[in-house]
PDB file of all heavy atoms in Angstrom:
ATOM      1  N   GLY A   1      -8.396   6.524   7.839  1.00  0.00           N
ATOM      2  CA  GLY A   1      -7.117   6.331   7.171  1.00  0.00           C
ATOM      3  C   GLY A   1      -6.463   5.048   7.628  1.00  0.00           C
ATOM      4  O   GLY A   1      -6.822   4.487   8.679  1.00  0.00           O
ATOM      5  N   TYR A   2      -5.498   4.576   6.856  1.00  0.00           N
ATOM      6  CA  TYR A   2      -4.837   3.311   7.176  1.00  0.00           C
ATOM      7  C   TYR A   2      -3.382   3.390   6.725  1.00  0.00           C
ATOM      8  O   TYR A   2      -3.089   3.822   5.607  1.00  0.00           O
ATOM      9  CB  TYR A   2      -5.541   2.155   6.462  1.00  0.00           C
ATOM     10  CG  TYR A   2      -5.168   0.781   6.980  1.00  0.00           C
ATOM     11  CD1 TYR A   2      -5.824   0.227   8.068  1.00  0.00           C
ATOM     12  CD2 TYR A   2      -4.145   0.045   6.379  1.00  0.00           C
ATOM     13  CE1 TYR A   2      -5.486  -1.031   8.548  1.00  0.00           C
ATOM     14  CE2 TYR A   2      -3.802  -1.213   6.845  1.00  0.00           C
ATOM     15  CZ  TYR A   2      -4.472  -1.747   7.934  1.00  0.00           C
ATOM     16  OH  TYR A   2      -4.132  -2.990   8.408  1.00  0.00           O
ATOM     17  N   THR A   3      -2.489   2.967   7.616  1.00  0.00           N
ATOM     18  CA  THR A   3      -1.054   2.977   7.312  1.00  0.00           C
ATOM     19  C   THR A   3      -0.545   1.561   7.136  1.00  0.00           C
ATOM     20  O   THR A   3      -0.867   0.670   7.934  1.00  0.00           O
ATOM     21  CB  THR A   3      -0.265   3.662   8.448  1.00  0.00           C
ATOM     22  OG1 THR A   3      -0.748   4.996   8.625  1.00  0.00           O
ATOM     23  CG2 THR A   3       1.216   3.712   8.109  1.00  0.00           C
ATOM     24  N   LEU A   4       0.232   1.351   6.098  1.00  0.00           N
ATOM     25  CA  LEU A   4       0.835   0.054   5.817  1.00  0.00           C
ATOM     26  C   LEU A   4       2.351   0.193   5.751  1.00  0.00           C
ATOM     27  O   LEU A   4       2.860   1.103   5.095  1.00  0.00           O
ATOM     28  CB  LEU A   4       0.334  -0.509   4.485  1.00  0.00           C
ATOM     29  CG  LEU A   4      -0.904  -1.425   4.499  1.00  0.00           C
ATOM     30  CD1 LEU A   4      -1.265  -1.803   3.074  1.00  0.00           C
ATOM     31  CD2 LEU A   4      -0.661  -2.668   5.331  1.00  0.00           C
ATOM     32  N   THR A   5       3.048  -0.702   6.433  1.00  0.00           N
ATOM     33  CA  THR A   5       4.500  -0.767   6.309  1.00  0.00           C
ATOM     34  C   THR A   5       4.845  -1.723   5.171  1.00  0.00           C
ATOM     35  O   THR A   5       4.344  -2.851   5.131  1.00  0.00           O
ATOM     36  CB  THR A   5       5.135  -1.262   7.621  1.00  0.00           C
ATOM     37  OG1 THR A   5       4.781  -0.359   8.670  1.00  0.00           O
ATOM     38  CG2 THR A   5       6.651  -1.322   7.493  1.00  0.00           C
ATOM     39  N   LEU A   6       5.675  -1.285   4.258  1.00  0.00           N
ATOM     40  CA  LEU A   6       6.027  -2.099   3.094  1.00  0.00           C
ATOM     41  C   LEU A   6       7.113  -3.112   3.452  1.00  0.00           C
ATOM     42  O   LEU A   6       7.953  -2.852   4.327  1.00  0.00           O
ATOM     43  CB  LEU A   6       6.511  -1.191   1.965  1.00  0.00           C
ATOM     44  CG  LEU A   6       5.543  -0.068   1.548  1.00  0.00           C
ATOM     45  CD1 LEU A   6       6.196   0.829   0.517  1.00  0.00           C
ATOM     46  CD2 LEU A   6       4.247  -0.643   1.005  1.00  0.00           C
ATOM     47  N   PRO A   7       7.119  -4.261   2.788  1.00  0.00           N
ATOM     48  CA  PRO A   7       8.159  -5.268   3.053  1.00  0.00           C
ATOM     49  C   PRO A   7       9.562  -4.729   2.820  1.00  0.00           C
ATOM     50  O   PRO A   7      10.492  -5.037   3.563  1.00  0.00           O
ATOM     51  CB  PRO A   7       7.817  -6.383   2.059  1.00  0.00           C
ATOM     52  CG  PRO A   7       6.385  -6.179   1.716  1.00  0.00           C
ATOM     53  CD  PRO A   7       6.152  -4.715   1.783  1.00  0.00           C
ATOM     54  N   ASN A   8       9.695  -3.900   1.766  1.00  0.00           N
ATOM     55  CA  ASN A   8      10.974  -3.272   1.434  1.00  0.00           C
ATOM     56  C   ASN A   8      10.710  -1.867   0.915  1.00  0.00           C
ATOM     57  O   ASN A   8       9.674  -1.610   0.294  1.00  0.00           O
ATOM     58  CB  ASN A   8      11.711  -4.075   0.350  1.00  0.00           C
ATOM     59  CG  ASN A   8      11.973  -5.500   0.771  1.00  0.00           C
ATOM     60  OD1 ASN A   8      12.797  -5.763   1.628  1.00  0.00           O
ATOM     61  ND2 ASN A   8      11.250  -6.439   0.160  1.00  0.00           N
ATOM     62  N   ALA A   9      11.629  -0.968   1.168  1.00  0.00           N
ATOM     63  CA  ALA A   9      11.502   0.388   0.628  1.00  0.00           C
ATOM     64  C   ALA A   9      11.505   0.317  -0.898  1.00  0.00           C
ATOM     65  O   ALA A   9      12.305  -0.405  -1.494  1.00  0.00           O
ATOM     66  CB  ALA A   9      12.645   1.262   1.112  1.00  0.00           C
ATOM     67  N   THR A  10      10.592   1.046  -1.535  1.00  0.00           N
ATOM     68  CA  THR A  10      10.446   0.935  -2.982  1.00  0.00           C
ATOM     69  C   THR A  10       9.975   2.245  -3.596  1.00  0.00           C
ATOM     70  O   THR A  10       9.423   3.111  -2.908  1.00  0.00           O
ATOM     71  CB  THR A  10       9.439  -0.179  -3.338  1.00  0.00           C
ATOM     72  OG1 THR A  10       9.346  -0.320  -4.752  1.00  0.00           O
ATOM     73  CG2 THR A  10       8.065   0.135  -2.790  1.00  0.00           C
ATOM     74  N   ASP A  11      10.187   2.390  -4.910  1.00  0.00           N
ATOM     75  CA  ASP A  11       9.641   3.507  -5.679  1.00  0.00           C
ATOM     76  C   ASP A  11       8.844   2.983  -6.871  1.00  0.00           C
ATOM     77  O   ASP A  11       8.569   3.706  -7.822  1.00  0.00           O
ATOM     78  CB  ASP A  11      10.760   4.442  -6.156  1.00  0.00           C
ATOM     79  CG  ASP A  11      11.768   3.733  -7.057  1.00  0.00           C
ATOM     80  OD1 ASP A  11      11.565   2.552  -7.396  1.00  0.00           O
ATOM     81  OD2 ASP A  11      12.786   4.366  -7.429  1.00  0.00           O
ATOM     82  N   SER A  12       8.470   1.713  -6.825  1.00  0.00           N
ATOM     83  CA  SER A  12       7.779   1.049  -7.929  1.00  0.00           C
ATOM     84  C   SER A  12       6.288   1.365  -7.931  1.00  0.00           C
ATOM     85  O   SER A  12       5.607   1.196  -6.911  1.00  0.00           O
ATOM     86  CB  SER A  12       7.978  -0.465  -7.842  1.00  0.00           C
ATOM     87  OG  SER A  12       7.096  -1.140  -8.722  1.00  0.00           O
ATOM     88  N   ASN A  13       5.760   1.800  -9.075  1.00  0.00           N
ATOM     89  CA  ASN A  13       4.324   2.019  -9.225  1.00  0.00           C
ATOM     90  C   ASN A  13       3.539   0.767  -8.841  1.00  0.00           C
ATOM     91  O   ASN A  13       2.517   0.833  -8.152  1.00  0.00           O
ATOM     92  CB  ASN A  13       3.987   2.357 -10.680  1.00  0.00           C
ATOM     93  CG  ASN A  13       4.499   3.710 -11.111  1.00  0.00           C
ATOM     94  OD1 ASN A  13       5.213   4.377 -10.379  1.00  0.00           O
ATOM     95  ND2 ASN A  13       4.139   4.124 -12.317  1.00  0.00           N
ATOM     96  N   LEU A  14       4.010  -0.370  -9.301  1.00  0.00           N
ATOM     97  CA  LEU A  14       3.284  -1.625  -9.134  1.00  0.00           C
ATOM     98  C   LEU A  14       3.153  -2.007  -7.663  1.00  0.00           C
ATOM     99  O   LEU A  14       2.054  -2.310  -7.185  1.00  0.00           O
ATOM    100  CB  LEU A  14       3.998  -2.745  -9.897  1.00  0.00           C
ATOM    101  CG  LEU A  14       4.210  -2.510 -11.406  1.00  0.00           C
ATOM    102  CD1 LEU A  14       5.029  -3.639 -12.004  1.00  0.00           C
ATOM    103  CD2 LEU A  14       2.875  -2.390 -12.120  1.00  0.00           C
ATOM    104  N   ILE A  15       4.248  -1.988  -6.948  1.00  0.00           N
ATOM    105  CA  ILE A  15       4.226  -2.421  -5.549  1.00  0.00           C
ATOM    106  C   ILE A  15       3.502  -1.408  -4.665  1.00  0.00           C
ATOM    107  O   ILE A  15       2.696  -1.781  -3.809  1.00  0.00           O
ATOM    108  CB  ILE A  15       5.662  -2.661  -5.047  1.00  0.00           C
ATOM    109  CG1 ILE A  15       6.279  -3.845  -5.802  1.00  0.00           C
ATOM    110  CG2 ILE A  15       5.685  -2.919  -3.548  1.00  0.00           C
ATOM    111  CD1 ILE A  15       7.717  -4.115  -5.468  1.00  0.00           C
ATOM    112  N   LEU A  16       3.767  -0.131  -4.875  1.00  0.00           N
ATOM    113  CA  LEU A  16       3.097   0.892  -4.072  1.00  0.00           C
ATOM    114  C   LEU A  16       1.590   0.871  -4.302  1.00  0.00           C
ATOM    115  O   LEU A  16       0.804   0.962  -3.354  1.00  0.00           O
ATOM    116  CB  LEU A  16       3.669   2.274  -4.398  1.00  0.00           C
ATOM    117  CG  LEU A  16       5.080   2.554  -3.870  1.00  0.00           C
ATOM    118  CD1 LEU A  16       5.636   3.840  -4.478  1.00  0.00           C
ATOM    119  CD2 LEU A  16       5.077   2.661  -2.348  1.00  0.00           C
ATOM    120  N   ALA A  17       1.160   0.742  -5.561  1.00  0.00           N
ATOM    121  CA  ALA A  17      -0.280   0.705  -5.866  1.00  0.00           C
ATOM    122  C   ALA A  17      -0.935  -0.526  -5.258  1.00  0.00           C
ATOM    123  O   ALA A  17      -2.059  -0.461  -4.739  1.00  0.00           O
ATOM    124  CB  ALA A  17      -0.486   0.734  -7.374  1.00  0.00           C
ATOM    125  N   GLN A  18      -0.253  -1.663  -5.317  1.00  0.00           N
ATOM    126  CA  GLN A  18      -0.778  -2.900  -4.751  1.00  0.00           C
ATOM    127  C   GLN A  18      -1.077  -2.739  -3.260  1.00  0.00           C
ATOM    128  O   GLN A  18      -2.142  -3.124  -2.774  1.00  0.00           O
ATOM    129  CB  GLN A  18       0.233  -4.031  -4.975  1.00  0.00           C
ATOM    130  CG  GLN A  18      -0.168  -5.366  -4.355  1.00  0.00           C
ATOM    131  CD  GLN A  18       0.946  -6.400  -4.466  1.00  0.00           C
ATOM    132  OE1 GLN A  18       1.997  -6.140  -5.033  1.00  0.00           O
ATOM    133  NE2 GLN A  18       0.712  -7.571  -3.910  1.00  0.00           N
ATOM    134  N   HIS A  19      -0.149  -2.148  -2.522  1.00  0.00           N
ATOM    135  CA  HIS A  19      -0.337  -1.967  -1.082  1.00  0.00           C
ATOM    136  C   HIS A  19      -1.317  -0.845  -0.772  1.00  0.00           C
ATOM    137  O   HIS A  19      -2.048  -0.918   0.239  1.00  0.00           O
ATOM    138  CB  HIS A  19       1.016  -1.713  -0.422  1.00  0.00           C
ATOM    139  CG  HIS A  19       1.889  -2.926  -0.356  1.00  0.00           C
ATOM    140  ND1 HIS A  19       1.734  -3.897   0.595  1.00  0.00           N
ATOM    141  CD2 HIS A  19       2.911  -3.344  -1.146  1.00  0.00           C
ATOM    142  CE1 HIS A  19       2.630  -4.862   0.413  1.00  0.00           C
ATOM    143  NE2 HIS A  19       3.352  -4.541  -0.644  1.00  0.00           N
ATOM    144  N   ALA A  20      -1.378   0.166  -1.605  1.00  0.00           N
ATOM    145  CA  ALA A  20      -2.340   1.252  -1.395  1.00  0.00           C
ATOM    146  C   ALA A  20      -3.770   0.735  -1.515  1.00  0.00           C
ATOM    147  O   ALA A  20      -4.658   1.137  -0.750  1.00  0.00           O
ATOM    148  CB  ALA A  20      -2.088   2.376  -2.397  1.00  0.00           C
ATOM    149  N   LEU A  21      -4.002  -0.167  -2.450  1.00  0.00           N
ATOM    150  CA  LEU A  21      -5.340  -0.734  -2.621  1.00  0.00           C
ATOM    151  C   LEU A  21      -5.704  -1.636  -1.438  1.00  0.00           C
ATOM    152  O   LEU A  21      -6.870  -1.707  -1.035  1.00  0.00           O
ATOM    153  CB  LEU A  21      -5.427  -1.514  -3.929  1.00  0.00           C
ATOM    154  CG  LEU A  21      -5.312  -0.665  -5.206  1.00  0.00           C
ATOM    155  CD1 LEU A  21      -5.427  -1.522  -6.450  1.00  0.00           C
ATOM    156  CD2 LEU A  21      -6.374   0.432  -5.225  1.00  0.00           C
ATOM    157  N   LYS A  22      -4.715  -2.311  -0.876  1.00  0.00           N
ATOM    158  CA  LYS A  22      -4.962  -3.100   0.335  1.00  0.00           C
ATOM    159  C   LYS A  22      -5.401  -2.188   1.475  1.00  0.00           C
ATOM    160  O   LYS A  22      -6.332  -2.499   2.226  1.00  0.00           O
ATOM    161  CB  LYS A  22      -3.693  -3.848   0.746  1.00  0.00           C
ATOM    162  CG  LYS A  22      -3.348  -5.048  -0.111  1.00  0.00           C
ATOM    163  CD  LYS A  22      -2.097  -5.727   0.434  1.00  0.00           C
ATOM    164  CE  LYS A  22      -1.678  -6.916  -0.433  1.00  0.00           C
ATOM    165  NZ  LYS A  22      -0.440  -7.547   0.086  1.00  0.00           N
ATOM    166  N   ALA A  23      -4.714  -1.048   1.610  1.00  0.00           N
ATOM    167  CA  ALA A  23      -5.064  -0.093   2.663  1.00  0.00           C
ATOM    168  C   ALA A  23      -6.465   0.462   2.451  1.00  0.00           C
ATOM    169  O   ALA A  23      -7.243   0.611   3.401  1.00  0.00           O
ATOM    170  CB  ALA A  23      -4.041   1.040   2.696  1.00  0.00           C
ATOM    171  N   LEU A  24      -6.809   0.752   1.202  1.00  0.00           N
ATOM    172  CA  LEU A  24      -8.135   1.294   0.891  1.00  0.00           C
ATOM    173  C   LEU A  24      -9.236   0.319   1.303  1.00  0.00           C
ATOM    174  O   LEU A  24     -10.259   0.724   1.874  1.00  0.00           O
ATOM    175  CB  LEU A  24      -8.230   1.610  -0.602  1.00  0.00           C
ATOM    176  CG  LEU A  24      -9.613   2.053  -1.098  1.00  0.00           C
ATOM    177  CD1 LEU A  24     -10.019   3.373  -0.442  1.00  0.00           C
ATOM    178  CD2 LEU A  24      -9.622   2.193  -2.627  1.00  0.00           C
ATOM    179  N   LYS A  25      -9.048  -0.958   1.028  1.00  0.00           N
ATOM    180  CA  LYS A  25     -10.078  -1.958   1.356  1.00  0.00           C
ATOM    181  C   LYS A  25     -10.297  -2.071   2.851  1.00  0.00           C
ATOM    182  O   LYS A  25     -11.372  -2.492   3.298  1.00  0.00           O
ATOM    183  CB  LYS A  25      -9.685  -3.309   0.759  1.00  0.00           C
ATOM    184  CG  LYS A  25      -9.814  -3.345  -0.765  1.00  0.00           C
ATOM    185  CD  LYS A  25      -9.325  -4.650  -1.358  1.00  0.00           C
ATOM    186  CE  LYS A  25      -9.447  -4.616  -2.888  1.00  0.00           C
ATOM    187  NZ  LYS A  25      -8.930  -5.849  -3.524  1.00  0.00           N
ATOM    188  N   ASN A  26      -9.310  -1.684   3.635  1.00  0.00           N
ATOM    189  CA  ASN A  26      -9.457  -1.717   5.088  1.00  0.00           C
ATOM    190  C   ASN A  26     -10.309  -0.571   5.628  1.00  0.00           C
ATOM    191  O   ASN A  26     -10.796  -0.654   6.760  1.00  0.00           O
ATOM    192  CB  ASN A  26      -8.083  -1.670   5.757  1.00  0.00           C
ATOM    193  CG  ASN A  26      -7.409  -3.027   5.842  1.00  0.00           C
ATOM    194  OD1 ASN A  26      -7.756  -3.848   6.681  1.00  0.00           O
ATOM    195  ND2 ASN A  26      -6.461  -3.274   4.959  1.00  0.00           N
ATOM    196  N   ILE A  27     -10.456   0.491   4.864  1.00  0.00           N
ATOM    197  CA  ILE A  27     -11.193   1.657   5.364  1.00  0.00           C
ATOM    198  C   ILE A  27     -12.450   1.968   4.551  1.00  0.00           C
ATOM    199  O   ILE A  27     -13.245   2.824   4.944  1.00  0.00           O
ATOM    200  CB  ILE A  27     -10.281   2.914   5.392  1.00  0.00           C
ATOM    201  CG1 ILE A  27      -9.711   3.202   3.999  1.00  0.00           C
ATOM    202  CG2 ILE A  27      -9.165   2.756   6.401  1.00  0.00           C
ATOM    203  CD1 ILE A  27      -8.872   4.469   3.928  1.00  0.00           C
ATOM    204  N   TYR A  28     -12.645   1.280   3.431  1.00  0.00           N
ATOM    205  CA  TYR A  28     -13.820   1.551   2.595  1.00  0.00           C
ATOM    206  C   TYR A  28     -15.103   1.082   3.283  1.00  0.00           C
ATOM    207  O   TYR A  28     -15.163  -0.010   3.837  1.00  0.00           O
ATOM    208  CB  TYR A  28     -13.678   0.860   1.243  1.00  0.00           C
ATOM    209  CG  TYR A  28     -14.932   0.969   0.392  1.00  0.00           C
ATOM    210  CD1 TYR A  28     -15.243   2.156  -0.267  1.00  0.00           C
ATOM    211  CD2 TYR A  28     -15.816  -0.114   0.287  1.00  0.00           C
ATOM    212  CE1 TYR A  28     -16.396   2.265  -1.028  1.00  0.00           C
ATOM    213  CE2 TYR A  28     -16.966  -0.016  -0.478  1.00  0.00           C
ATOM    214  CZ  TYR A  28     -17.259   1.183  -1.129  1.00  0.00           C
ATOM    215  OH  TYR A  28     -18.408   1.283  -1.883  1.00  0.00           O
TER     216      TYR A  28
END
């Protein structure tokens, strides 16, 4: 698993998905 701290608190699909994919690439 991988935890990422976001630059700003958000509820945006776009920003959350962007960072989730970054986290995935770190553990794939």
